[in-house]
C-alpha atoms as a PDB file:
ATOM      1  CA  UNK A   1      72.665 120.794 143.277  1.00  0.00           C
ATOM      2  CA  UNK A   2      72.558 119.059 146.295  1.00  0.00           C
ATOM      3  CA  UNK A   3      69.414 116.777 147.171  1.00  0.00           C
ATOM      4  CA  UNK A   4      68.348 116.742 150.510  1.00  0.00           C
ATOM      5  CA  UNK A   5      65.926 114.770 152.279  1.00  0.00           C
ATOM      6  CA  UNK A   6      64.135 115.192 155.700  1.00  0.00           C
ATOM      7  CA  UNK A   7      62.439 112.895 157.729  1.00  0.00           C
ATOM      8  CA  UNK A   8      60.619 113.182 160.996  1.00  0.00           C
ATOM      9  CA  UNK A   9      61.077 109.324 162.469  1.00  0.00           C
ATOM     10  CA  UNK A  10      59.516 109.890 165.585  1.00  0.00           C
ATOM     11  CA  UNK A  11      61.757 107.554 167.241  1.00  0.00           C
ATOM     12  CA  UNK A  12      65.125 106.272 165.740  1.00  0.00           C
ATOM     13  CA  UNK A  13      65.636 102.996 167.600  1.00  0.00           C
ATOM     14  CA  UNK A  14      61.821 102.027 166.639  1.00  0.00           C
ATOM     15  CA  UNK A  15      62.045 102.887 162.985  1.00  0.00           C
ATOM     16  CA  UNK A  16      65.852 101.401 162.555  1.00  0.00           C
ATOM     17  CA  UNK A  17      64.319  98.165 163.744  1.00  0.00           C
ATOM     18  CA  UNK A  18      62.203  97.839 160.682  1.00  0.00           C
ATOM     19  CA  UNK A  19      63.066  95.689 157.959  1.00  0.00           C
ATOM     20  CA  UNK A  20      63.069  98.467 155.210  1.00  0.00           C
ATOM     21  CA  UNK A  21      65.185 100.985 157.503  1.00  0.00           C
ATOM     22  CA  UNK A  22      68.122 100.750 155.035  1.00  0.00           C
ATOM     23  CA  UNK A  23      66.259 102.232 152.495  1.00  0.00           C
ATOM     24  CA  UNK A  24      68.959 104.854 152.716  1.00  0.00           C
ATOM     25  CA  UNK A  25      71.789 103.120 151.519  1.00  0.00           C
ATOM     26  CA  UNK A  26      69.938 102.941 148.412  1.00  0.00           C
ATOM     27  CA  UNK A  27      69.090 106.910 147.670  1.00  0.00           C
ATOM     28  CA  UNK A  28      70.449 109.182 146.056  1.00  0.00           C
ATOM     29  CA  UNK A  29      70.231 111.585 148.290  1.00  0.00           C
ATOM     30  CA  UNK A  30      73.599 113.999 149.428  1.00  0.00           C
ATOM     31  CA  UNK A  31      72.093 114.984 152.618  1.00  0.00           C
ATOM     32  CA  UNK A  32      69.608 113.292 154.990  1.00  0.00           C
ATOM     33  CA  UNK A  33      68.175 114.812 158.049  1.00  0.00           C
ATOM     34  CA  UNK A  34      66.550 113.014 160.930  1.00  0.00           C
ATOM     35  CA  UNK A  35      64.110 115.100 163.397  1.00  0.00           C
ATOM     36  CA  UNK A  36      62.865 113.695 166.500  1.00  0.00           C
ATOM     37  CA  UNK A  37      64.838 110.604 167.166  1.00  0.00           C
ATOM     38  CA  UNK A  38      64.533 110.456 170.713  1.00  0.00           C
ATOM     39  CA  UNK A  39      67.674 108.900 171.143  1.00  0.00           C
ATOM     40  CA  UNK A  40      71.102 109.848 173.011  1.00  0.00           C
ATOM     41  CA  UNK A  41      73.868 108.705 170.479  1.00  0.00           C
ATOM     42  CA  UNK A  42      75.116 106.910 173.546  1.00  0.00           C
ATOM     43  CA  UNK A  43      72.453 104.544 173.021  1.00  0.00           C
ATOM     44  CA  UNK A  44      73.295 103.306 169.460  1.00  0.00           C
ATOM     45  CA  UNK A  45      75.734 100.602 168.242  1.00  0.00           C
ATOM     46  CA  UNK A  46      78.487 101.633 166.132  1.00  0.00           C
ATOM     47  CA  UNK A  47      76.700 101.070 162.773  1.00  0.00           C
ATOM     48  CA  UNK A  48      73.585 103.320 163.630  1.00  0.00           C
ATOM     49  CA  UNK A  49      75.835 105.760 164.485  1.00  0.00           C
ATOM     50  CA  UNK A  50      77.625 106.088 161.348  1.00  0.00           C
ATOM     51  CA  UNK A  51      76.366 103.683 158.770  1.00  0.00           C
ATOM     52  CA  UNK A  52      78.206 102.032 156.034  1.00  0.00           C
ATOM     53  CA  UNK A  53      78.916 104.638 153.399  1.00  0.00           C
ATOM     54  CA  UNK A  54      77.534 107.389 155.399  1.00  0.00           C
ATOM     55  CA  UNK A  55      79.197 110.428 157.468  1.00  0.00           C
ATOM     56  CA  UNK A  56      76.838 110.784 160.348  1.00  0.00           C
ATOM     57  CA  UNK A  57      76.287 113.864 162.657  1.00  0.00           C
ATOM     58  CA  UNK A  58      74.305 113.882 165.767  1.00  0.00           C
ATOM     59  CA  UNK A  59      73.116 116.889 168.100  1.00  0.00           C
ATOM     60  CA  UNK A  60      71.353 115.276 171.222  1.00  0.00           C
ATOM     61  CA  UNK A  61      68.796 117.605 173.365  1.00  0.00           C
ATOM     62  CA  UNK A  62      71.061 119.299 175.913  1.00  0.00           C
ATOM     63  CA  UNK A  63      68.057 119.447 178.475  1.00  0.00           C
ATOM     64  CA  UNK A  64      64.540 117.536 178.189  1.00  0.00           C
ATOM     65  CA  UNK A  65      64.757 114.055 176.493  1.00  0.00           C
ATOM     66  CA  UNK A  66      62.811 114.104 173.323  1.00  0.00           C
END
């Protein structure tokens, strides 16, 4: 069985700056989906783009930001 977590973060950079953001490094989820990241991948650090131990896939908006 695959364990999938989904979270509407309402702003990736704001949530990633919080102390407890690294929760996903301790989860047993196979897939984590983040919605409403409101960020273009070019605005992120290498570690934010691909957290250690995870394979990340980003799909930025092709039009209106957010």
